[in-house]
Amino acid sequence: QQLKAIAVDNGLNVTHEASVHFDSDLPEFKTDGGVHKHNDGC
């Protein structure tokens, strides 16, 4: 459903995060939950 990035410092503490949610941030691809479900159901 998303692409996420996390940065940690040398002590493994999280310093930065960012994410892109496919359905809401890239609506032109018309995904549902990040996917295309085809008519055959499988």
All heavy atoms as atom14 arrays in JSON, in Angstrom:
{
  "sequence": "QQLKAIAVDNGLNVTHEASVHFDSDLPEFKTDGGVHKHNDGC",
  "atom14_mask": [
    [1, 1, 1, 1, 1, 1, 1, 1, 1, 0, 0, 0, 0, 0],
    [1, 1, 1, 1, 1, 1, 1, 1, 1, 0, 0, 0, 0, 0],
    [1, 1, 1, 1, 1, 1, 1, 1, 0, 0, 0, 0, 0, 0],
    [1, 1, 1, 1, 1, 1, 1, 1, 1, 0, 0, 0, 0, 0],
    [1, 1, 1, 1, 1, 0, 0, 0, 0, 0, 0, 0, 0, 0],
    [1, 1, 1, 1, 1, 1, 1, 1, 0, 0, 0, 0, 0, 0],
    [1, 1, 1, 1, 1, 0, 0, 0, 0, 0, 0, 0, 0, 0],
    [1, 1, 1, 1, 1, 1, 1, 0, 0, 0, 0, 0, 0, 0],
    [1, 1, 1, 1, 1, 1, 1, 1, 0, 0, 0, 0, 0, 0],
    [1, 1, 1, 1, 1, 1, 1, 1, 0, 0, 0, 0, 0, 0],
    [1, 1, 1, 1, 0, 0, 0, 0, 0, 0, 0, 0, 0, 0],
    [1, 1, 1, 1, 1, 1, 1, 1, 0, 0, 0, 0, 0, 0],
    [1, 1, 1, 1, 1, 1, 1, 1, 0, 0, 0, 0, 0, 0],
    [1, 1, 1, 1, 1, 1, 1, 0, 0, 0, 0, 0, 0, 0],
    [1, 1, 1, 1, 1, 1, 1, 0, 0, 0, 0, 0, 0, 0],
    [1, 1, 1, 1, 1, 1, 1, 1, 1, 1, 0, 0, 0, 0],
    [1, 1, 1, 1, 1, 1, 1, 1, 1, 0, 0, 0, 0, 0],
    [1, 1, 1, 1, 1, 0, 0, 0, 0, 0, 0, 0, 0, 0],
    [1, 1, 1, 1, 1, 1, 0, 0, 0, 0, 0, 0, 0, 0],
    [1, 1, 1, 1, 1, 1, 1, 0, 0, 0, 0, 0, 0, 0],
    [1, 1, 1, 1, 1, 1, 1, 1, 1, 1, 0, 0, 0, 0],
    [1, 1, 1, 1, 1, 1, 1, 1, 1, 1, 1, 0, 0, 0],
    [1, 1, 1, 1, 1, 1, 1, 1, 0, 0, 0, 0, 0, 0],
    [1, 1, 1, 1, 1, 1, 0, 0, 0, 0, 0, 0, 0, 0],
    [1, 1, 1, 1, 1, 1, 1, 1, 0, 0, 0, 0, 0, 0],
    [1, 1, 1, 1, 1, 1, 1, 1, 0, 0, 0, 0, 0, 0],
    [1, 1, 1, 1, 1, 1, 1, 0, 0, 0, 0, 0, 0, 0],
    [1, 1, 1, 1, 1, 1, 1, 1, 1, 0, 0, 0, 0, 0],
    [1, 1, 1, 1, 1, 1, 1, 1, 1, 1, 1, 0, 0, 0],
    [1, 1, 1, 1, 1, 1, 1, 1, 1, 0, 0, 0, 0, 0],
    [1, 1, 1, 1, 1, 1, 1, 0, 0, 0, 0, 0, 0, 0],
    [1, 1, 1, 1, 1, 1, 1, 1, 0, 0, 0, 0, 0, 0],
    [1, 1, 1, 1, 0, 0, 0, 0, 0, 0, 0, 0, 0, 0],
    [1, 1, 1, 1, 0, 0, 0, 0, 0, 0, 0, 0, 0, 0],
    [1, 1, 1, 1, 1, 1, 1, 0, 0, 0, 0, 0, 0, 0],
    [1, 1, 1, 1, 1, 1, 1, 1, 1, 1, 0, 0, 0, 0],
    [1, 1, 1, 1, 1, 1, 1, 1, 1, 0, 0, 0, 0, 0],
    [1, 1, 1, 1, 1, 1, 1, 1, 1, 1, 0, 0, 0, 0],
    [1, 1, 1, 1, 1, 1, 1, 1, 0, 0, 0, 0, 0, 0],
    [1, 1, 1, 1, 1, 1, 1, 1, 0, 0, 0, 0, 0, 0],
    [1, 1, 1, 1, 0, 0, 0, 0, 0, 0, 0, 0, 0, 0],
    [1, 1, 1, 1, 1, 1, 0, 0, 0, 0, 0, 0, 0, 0]
  ],
  "atom14_positions": [
    [[0.78, -1.22, 0.0], [0.0, 0.0, 0.0], [0.82, 1.28, 0.0], [0.27, 2.36, -0.25], [-0.94, 0.02, 1.21], [-1.92, -1.15, 1.22], [-2.95, -1.03, 2.32], [-3.57, 0.02, 2.49], [-3.15, -2.09, 3.07], [0.0, 0.0, 0.0], [0.0, 0.0, 0.0], [0.0, 0.0, 0.0], [0.0, 0.0, 0.0], [0.0, 0.0, 0.0]],
    [[2.12, 1.19, 0.26], [2.91, 2.42, 0.35], [4.39, 2.14, 0.13], [4.84, 1.0, 0.18], [2.72, 3.08, 1.73], [3.29, 2.27, 2.87], [3.22, 2.97, 4.21], [3.2, 4.2, 4.29], [3.19, 2.21, 5.29], [0.0, 0.0, 0.0], [0.0, 0.0, 0.0], [0.0, 0.0, 0.0], [0.0, 0.0, 0.0], [0.0, 0.0, 0.0]],
    [[5.12, 3.22, -0.13], [6.58, 3.2, -0.11], [7.02, 4.07, 1.05], [6.61, 5.23, 1.15], [7.16, 3.75, -1.42], [8.68, 3.93, -1.45], [9.41, 2.6, -1.26], [9.14, 4.59, -2.75], [0.0, 0.0, 0.0], [0.0, 0.0, 0.0], [0.0, 0.0, 0.0], [0.0, 0.0, 0.0], [0.0, 0.0, 0.0], [0.0, 0.0, 0.0]],
    [[7.82, 3.49, 1.93], [8.24, 4.22, 3.12], [9.76, 4.27, 3.17], [10.45, 3.35, 2.71], [7.71, 3.53, 4.38], [8.01, 4.3, 5.66], [7.06, 3.91, 6.78], [7.15, 4.93, 7.91], [6.08, 4.79, 8.89], [0.0, 0.0, 0.0], [0.0, 0.0, 0.0], [0.0, 0.0, 0.0], [0.0, 0.0, 0.0], [0.0, 0.0, 0.0]],
    [[10.28, 5.35, 3.74], [11.73, 5.51, 3.94], [11.99, 5.9, 5.38], [11.25, 6.72, 5.95], [12.29, 6.57, 3.0], [0.0, 0.0, 0.0], [0.0, 0.0, 0.0], [0.0, 0.0, 0.0], [0.0, 0.0, 0.0], [0.0, 0.0, 0.0], [0.0, 0.0, 0.0], [0.0, 0.0, 0.0], [0.0, 0.0, 0.0], [0.0, 0.0, 0.0]],
    [[13.02, 5.32, 5.97], [13.43, 5.65, 7.34], [14.93, 5.87, 7.35], [15.69, 5.09, 6.76], [13.06, 4.52, 8.32], [11.56, 4.54, 8.62], [13.84, 4.64, 9.63], [11.12, 3.47, 9.6], [0.0, 0.0, 0.0], [0.0, 0.0, 0.0], [0.0, 0.0, 0.0], [0.0, 0.0, 0.0], [0.0, 0.0, 0.0], [0.0, 0.0, 0.0]],
    [[15.36, 6.94, 8.01], [16.79, 7.22, 8.2], [17.13, 7.03, 9.67], [16.37, 7.45, 10.56], [17.12, 8.64, 7.77], [0.0, 0.0, 0.0], [0.0, 0.0, 0.0], [0.0, 0.0, 0.0], [0.0, 0.0, 0.0], [0.0, 0.0, 0.0], [0.0, 0.0, 0.0], [0.0, 0.0, 0.0], [0.0, 0.0, 0.0], [0.0, 0.0, 0.0]],
    [[18.26, 6.35, 9.93], [18.74, 6.21, 11.3], [20.16, 6.75, 11.37], [20.9, 6.76, 10.38], [18.72, 4.74, 11.77], [17.31, 4.18, 11.71], [19.68, 3.87, 10.97], [0.0, 0.0, 0.0], [0.0, 0.0, 0.0], [0.0, 0.0, 0.0], [0.0, 0.0, 0.0], [0.0, 0.0, 0.0], [0.0, 0.0, 0.0], [0.0, 0.0, 0.0]],
    [[20.54, 7.21, 12.56], [21.9, 7.69, 12.76], [22.82, 6.52, 13.13], [22.38, 5.36, 13.13], [21.94, 8.81, 13.81], [21.46, 8.37, 15.18], [21.44, 7.14, 15.46], [21.07, 9.24, 15.99], [0.0, 0.0, 0.0], [0.0, 0.0, 0.0], [0.0, 0.0, 0.0], [0.0, 0.0, 0.0], [0.0, 0.0, 0.0], [0.0, 0.0, 0.0]],
    [[24.03, 6.83, 13.45], [25.01, 5.77, 13.73], [24.66, 4.96, 14.97], [25.09, 3.81, 15.12], [26.42, 6.37, 13.87], [27.5, 5.36, 13.57], [27.35, 4.5, 12.71], [28.61, 5.45, 14.3], [0.0, 0.0, 0.0], [0.0, 0.0, 0.0], [0.0, 0.0, 0.0], [0.0, 0.0, 0.0], [0.0, 0.0, 0.0], [0.0, 0.0, 0.0]],
    [[23.83, 5.54, 15.85], [23.36, 4.83, 17.04], [22.04, 4.13, 16.82], [21.43, 3.65, 17.77], [0.0, 0.0, 0.0], [0.0, 0.0, 0.0], [0.0, 0.0, 0.0], [0.0, 0.0, 0.0], [0.0, 0.0, 0.0], [0.0, 0.0, 0.0], [0.0, 0.0, 0.0], [0.0, 0.0, 0.0], [0.0, 0.0, 0.0], [0.0, 0.0, 0.0]],
    [[21.58, 4.09, 15.56], [20.34, 3.42, 15.14], [19.09, 4.09, 15.67], [18.03, 3.46, 15.81], [20.36, 1.94, 15.54], [21.54, 1.12, 14.99], [21.44, -0.33, 15.41], [21.61, 1.21, 13.48], [0.0, 0.0, 0.0], [0.0, 0.0, 0.0], [0.0, 0.0, 0.0], [0.0, 0.0, 0.0], [0.0, 0.0, 0.0], [0.0, 0.0, 0.0]],
    [[19.18, 5.38, 15.96], [18.0, 6.16, 16.32], [17.36, 6.72, 15.06], [18.06, 7.22, 14.17], [18.39, 7.32, 17.24], [19.08, 6.85, 18.5], [18.47, 6.16, 19.32], [20.36, 7.2, 18.66], [0.0, 0.0, 0.0], [0.0, 0.0, 0.0], [0.0, 0.0, 0.0], [0.0, 0.0, 0.0], [0.0, 0.0, 0.0], [0.0, 0.0, 0.0]],
    [[16.05, 6.64, 14.95], [15.35, 7.16, 13.78], [15.41, 8.68, 13.78], [15.07, 9.34, 14.77], [13.88, 6.69, 13.77], [13.12, 7.32, 12.6], [13.8, 5.16, 13.68], [0.0, 0.0, 0.0], [0.0, 0.0, 0.0], [0.0, 0.0, 0.0], [0.0, 0.0, 0.0], [0.0, 0.0, 0.0], [0.0, 0.0, 0.0], [0.0, 0.0, 0.0]],
    [[15.86, 9.24, 12.66], [15.97, 10.71, 12.55], [14.97, 11.3, 11.58], [14.51, 12.43, 11.77], [17.39, 11.11, 12.09], [17.65, 10.57, 10.78], [18.44, 10.59, 13.08], [0.0, 0.0, 0.0], [0.0, 0.0, 0.0], [0.0, 0.0, 0.0], [0.0, 0.0, 0.0], [0.0, 0.0, 0.0], [0.0, 0.0, 0.0], [0.0, 0.0, 0.0]],
    [[14.63, 10.58, 10.52], [13.69, 11.08, 9.52], [12.84, 9.94, 8.97], [13.31, 8.8, 8.86], [14.43, 11.75, 8.34], [15.14, 13.02, 8.69], [16.37, 13.04, 9.33], [14.79, 14.32, 8.49], [16.74, 14.29, 9.51], [15.81, 15.09, 9.0], [0.0, 0.0, 0.0], [0.0, 0.0, 0.0], [0.0, 0.0, 0.0], [0.0, 0.0, 0.0]],
    [[11.6, 10.26, 8.61], [10.71, 9.3, 7.96], [9.92, 10.03, 6.88], [9.62, 11.22, 6.99], [9.71, 8.7, 8.96], [10.31, 7.88, 10.07], [9.25, 7.27, 10.97], [8.27, 6.71, 10.43], [9.39, 7.36, 12.21], [0.0, 0.0, 0.0], [0.0, 0.0, 0.0], [0.0, 0.0, 0.0], [0.0, 0.0, 0.0], [0.0, 0.0, 0.0]],
    [[9.57, 9.3, 5.84], [8.69, 9.83, 4.79], [7.98, 8.65, 4.14], [8.51, 7.52, 4.11], [9.48, 10.63, 3.75], [0.0, 0.0, 0.0], [0.0, 0.0, 0.0], [0.0, 0.0, 0.0], [0.0, 0.0, 0.0], [0.0, 0.0, 0.0], [0.0, 0.0, 0.0], [0.0, 0.0, 0.0], [0.0, 0.0, 0.0], [0.0, 0.0, 0.0]],
    [[6.8, 8.9, 3.63], [6.05, 7.81, 2.99], [5.18, 8.36, 1.87], [4.84, 9.54, 1.84], [5.2, 7.06, 4.01], [4.23, 7.92, 4.6], [0.0, 0.0, 0.0], [0.0, 0.0, 0.0], [0.0, 0.0, 0.0], [0.0, 0.0, 0.0], [0.0, 0.0, 0.0], [0.0, 0.0, 0.0], [0.0, 0.0, 0.0], [0.0, 0.0, 0.0]],
    [[4.82, 7.46, 0.97], [3.9, 7.75, -0.13], [2.85, 6.65, -0.14], [3.18, 5.46, -0.26], [4.64, 7.78, -1.49], [3.64, 7.95, -2.63], [5.67, 8.89, -1.52], [0.0, 0.0, 0.0], [0.0, 0.0, 0.0], [0.0, 0.0, 0.0], [0.0, 0.0, 0.0], [0.0, 0.0, 0.0], [0.0, 0.0, 0.0], [0.0, 0.0, 0.0]],
    [[1.59, 7.04, 0.01], [0.48, 6.09, 0.0], [-0.09, 6.05, -1.41], [-0.53, 7.07, -1.95], [-0.58, 6.49, 1.03], [-0.09, 6.37, 2.44], [-0.35, 5.28, 3.24], [0.66, 7.22, 3.19], [0.22, 5.46, 4.41], [0.84, 6.62, 4.42], [0.0, 0.0, 0.0], [0.0, 0.0, 0.0], [0.0, 0.0, 0.0], [0.0, 0.0, 0.0]],
    [[-0.09, 4.87, -2.0], [-0.39, 4.75, -3.41], [-1.8, 5.23, -3.76], [-1.99, 5.98, -4.72], [-0.2, 3.3, -3.87], [1.19, 2.78, -3.64], [1.41, 1.48, -3.22], [2.31, 3.59, -3.84], [2.69, 0.99, -3.0], [3.6, 3.12, -3.63], [3.78, 1.82, -3.2], [0.0, 0.0, 0.0], [0.0, 0.0, 0.0], [0.0, 0.0, 0.0]],
    [[-2.8, 4.8, -3.01], [-4.17, 5.16, -3.36], [-4.4, 6.67, -3.31], [-5.02, 7.25, -4.21], [-5.17, 4.48, -2.41], [-5.23, 2.98, -2.59], [-4.54, 2.45, -3.48], [-5.97, 2.32, -1.84], [0.0, 0.0, 0.0], [0.0, 0.0, 0.0], [0.0, 0.0, 0.0], [0.0, 0.0, 0.0], [0.0, 0.0, 0.0], [0.0, 0.0, 0.0]],
    [[-3.93, 7.31, -2.25], [-4.21, 8.74, -2.05], [-3.19, 9.66, -2.71], [-3.57, 10.73, -3.23], [-4.28, 9.05, -0.55], [-3.07, 8.69, 0.1], [0.0, 0.0, 0.0], [0.0, 0.0, 0.0], [0.0, 0.0, 0.0], [0.0, 0.0, 0.0], [0.0, 0.0, 0.0], [0.0, 0.0, 0.0], [0.0, 0.0, 0.0], [0.0, 0.0, 0.0]],
    [[-1.93, 9.27, -2.74], [-0.9, 10.15, -3.29], [-0.71, 9.99, -4.8], [-0.2, 10.89, -5.46], [0.44, 9.9, -2.6], [0.45, 10.41, -1.15], [-0.18, 11.45, -0.9], [1.08, 9.76, -0.3], [0.0, 0.0, 0.0], [0.0, 0.0, 0.0], [0.0, 0.0, 0.0], [0.0, 0.0, 0.0], [0.0, 0.0, 0.0], [0.0, 0.0, 0.0]],
    [[-1.11, 8.84, -5.32], [-0.98, 8.58, -6.76], [-2.32, 8.07, -7.31], [-2.42, 6.95, -7.83], [0.15, 7.57, -7.01], [1.55, 8.07, -6.64], [2.53, 6.9, -6.55], [2.05, 9.11, -7.63], [0.0, 0.0, 0.0], [0.0, 0.0, 0.0], [0.0, 0.0, 0.0], [0.0, 0.0, 0.0], [0.0, 0.0, 0.0], [0.0, 0.0, 0.0]],
    [[-3.37, 8.89, -7.2], [-4.72, 8.44, -7.56], [-4.89, 8.13, -9.05], [-5.83, 7.42, -9.43], [-5.61, 9.61, -7.14], [-4.71, 10.81, -7.19], [-3.37, 10.3, -6.75], [0.0, 0.0, 0.0], [0.0, 0.0, 0.0], [0.0, 0.0, 0.0], [0.0, 0.0, 0.0], [0.0, 0.0, 0.0], [0.0, 0.0, 0.0], [0.0, 0.0, 0.0]],
    [[-3.98, 8.63, -9.89], [-4.11, 8.39, -11.32], [-4.0, 6.9, -11.68], [-4.46, 6.48, -12.75], [-3.06, 9.2, -12.1], [-1.61, 8.83, -11.85], [-0.95, 9.66, -10.75], [-1.67, 10.06, -9.81], [0.27, 9.9, -10.83], [0.0, 0.0, 0.0], [0.0, 0.0, 0.0], [0.0, 0.0, 0.0], [0.0, 0.0, 0.0], [0.0, 0.0, 0.0]],
    [[-3.43, 6.1, -10.78], [-3.29, 4.67, -11.07], [-4.51, 3.85, -10.64], [-4.59, 2.65, -10.92], [-2.02, 4.13, -10.41], [-0.77, 4.68, -11.02], [-0.08, 5.73, -10.42], [-0.28, 4.18, -12.21], [1.07, 6.26, -10.99], [0.87, 4.69, -12.79], [1.54, 5.74, -12.19], [0.0, 0.0, 0.0], [0.0, 0.0, 0.0], [0.0, 0.0, 0.0]],
    [[-5.44, 4.51, -9.93], [-6.74, 3.91, -9.59], [-6.59, 2.55, -8.89], [-7.28, 1.59, -9.21], [-7.6, 3.77, -10.85], [-7.89, 5.11, -11.53], [-8.74, 4.95, -12.78], [-9.01, 6.3, -13.43], [-9.79, 6.18, -14.69], [0.0, 0.0, 0.0], [0.0, 0.0, 0.0], [0.0, 0.0, 0.0], [0.0, 0.0, 0.0], [0.0, 0.0, 0.0]],
    [[-5.69, 2.51, -7.94], [-5.53, 1.28, -7.16], [-6.45, 1.28, -5.95], [-6.87, 2.33, -5.47], [-4.07, 1.12, -6.69], [-3.68, 2.29, -5.94], [-3.14, 0.91, -7.86], [0.0, 0.0, 0.0], [0.0, 0.0, 0.0], [0.0, 0.0, 0.0], [0.0, 0.0, 0.0], [0.0, 0.0, 0.0], [0.0, 0.0, 0.0], [0.0, 0.0, 0.0]],
    [[-6.74, 0.12, -5.46], [-7.51, -0.06, -4.23], [-6.65, -0.88, -3.29], [-6.41, -2.06, -3.54], [-8.83, -0.79, -4.54], [-9.7, -0.96, -3.31], [-9.33, -0.43, -2.24], [-10.75, -1.63, -3.4], [0.0, 0.0, 0.0], [0.0, 0.0, 0.0], [0.0, 0.0, 0.0], [0.0, 0.0, 0.0], [0.0, 0.0, 0.0], [0.0, 0.0, 0.0]],
    [[-6.17, -0.23, -2.23], [-5.22, -0.91, -1.35], [-3.89, -1.15, -2.03], [-3.15, -2.07, -1.68], [0.0, 0.0, 0.0], [0.0, 0.0, 0.0], [0.0, 0.0, 0.0], [0.0, 0.0, 0.0], [0.0, 0.0, 0.0], [0.0, 0.0, 0.0], [0.0, 0.0, 0.0], [0.0, 0.0, 0.0], [0.0, 0.0, 0.0], [0.0, 0.0, 0.0]],
    [[-3.58, -0.32, -3.04], [-2.3, -0.43, -3.75], [-2.3, -1.44, -4.86], [-1.25, -1.69, -5.47], [0.0, 0.0, 0.0], [0.0, 0.0, 0.0], [0.0, 0.0, 0.0], [0.0, 0.0, 0.0], [0.0, 0.0, 0.0], [0.0, 0.0, 0.0], [0.0, 0.0, 0.0], [0.0, 0.0, 0.0], [0.0, 0.0, 0.0], [0.0, 0.0, 0.0]],
    [[-3.45, -2.03, -5.18], [-3.48, -3.12, -6.17], [-4.65, -2.95, -7.14], [-5.58, -2.19, -6.9], [-3.59, -4.5, -5.48], [-2.48, -4.67, -4.46], [-4.95, -4.71, -4.82], [0.0, 0.0, 0.0], [0.0, 0.0, 0.0], [0.0, 0.0, 0.0], [0.0, 0.0, 0.0], [0.0, 0.0, 0.0], [0.0, 0.0, 0.0], [0.0, 0.0, 0.0]],
    [[-4.57, -3.7, -8.22], [-5.68, -3.87, -9.16], [-6.21, -5.29, -9.01], [-5.45, -6.26, -9.19], [-5.21, -3.64, -10.6], [-4.88, -2.21, -10.91], [-3.94, -1.85, -11.86], [-5.34, -1.04, -10.39], [-3.86, -0.53, -11.92], [-4.69, -0.02, -11.03], [0.0, 0.0, 0.0], [0.0, 0.0, 0.0], [0.0, 0.0, 0.0], [0.0, 0.0, 0.0]],
    [[-7.46, -5.41, -8.65], [-8.11, -6.72, -8.56], [-8.85, -6.98, -9.86], [-9.7, -6.18, -10.27], [-9.07, -6.76, -7.38], [-9.78, -8.11, -7.22], [-10.71, -8.1, -6.01], [-11.42, -9.44, -5.86], [-12.31, -9.46, -4.67], [0.0, 0.0, 0.0], [0.0, 0.0, 0.0], [0.0, 0.0, 0.0], [0.0, 0.0, 0.0], [0.0, 0.0, 0.0]],
    [[-8.56, -8.08, -10.52], [-9.14, -8.37, -11.82], [-10.47, -9.11, -11.68], [-10.82, -9.63, -10.61], [-8.14, -9.17, -12.66], [-6.9, -8.4, -13.0], [-6.49, -8.14, -14.28], [-5.97, -7.8, -12.2], [-5.36, -7.42, -14.26], [-5.04, -7.21, -13.0], [0.0, 0.0, 0.0], [0.0, 0.0, 0.0], [0.0, 0.0, 0.0], [0.0, 0.0, 0.0]],
    [[-11.21, -9.15, -12.76], [-12.58, -9.66, -12.73], [-12.68, -11.12, -12.33], [-13.73, -11.57, -11.85], [-13.26, -9.44, -14.08], [-13.51, -7.97, -14.38], [-13.64, -7.16, -13.45], [-13.56, -7.6, -15.65], [0.0, 0.0, 0.0], [0.0, 0.0, 0.0], [0.0, 0.0, 0.0], [0.0, 0.0, 0.0], [0.0, 0.0, 0.0], [0.0, 0.0, 0.0]],
    [[-11.62, -11.89, -12.56], [-11.7, -13.31, -12.22], [-11.62, -13.56, -10.72], [-11.82, -14.69, -10.25], [-10.61, -14.1, -12.95], [-9.2, -13.68, -12.56], [-9.04, -12.81, -11.68], [-8.24, -14.21, -13.14], [0.0, 0.0, 0.0], [0.0, 0.0, 0.0], [0.0, 0.0, 0.0], [0.0, 0.0, 0.0], [0.0, 0.0, 0.0], [0.0, 0.0, 0.0]],
    [[-11.31, -12.51, -9.95], [-11.28, -12.63, -8.5], [-10.02, -13.25, -7.94], [-9.84, -13.29, -6.72], [0.0, 0.0, 0.0], [0.0, 0.0, 0.0], [0.0, 0.0, 0.0], [0.0, 0.0, 0.0], [0.0, 0.0, 0.0], [0.0, 0.0, 0.0], [0.0, 0.0, 0.0], [0.0, 0.0, 0.0], [0.0, 0.0, 0.0], [0.0, 0.0, 0.0]],
    [[-9.13, -13.73, -8.79], [-7.9, -14.36, -8.29], [-6.64, -13.76, -8.89], [-5.54, -14.15, -8.5], [-7.94, -15.87, -8.51], [-8.16, -16.38, -10.22], [0.0, 0.0, 0.0], [0.0, 0.0, 0.0], [0.0, 0.0, 0.0], [0.0, 0.0, 0.0], [0.0, 0.0, 0.0], [0.0, 0.0, 0.0], [0.0, 0.0, 0.0], [0.0, 0.0, 0.0]]
  ]
}
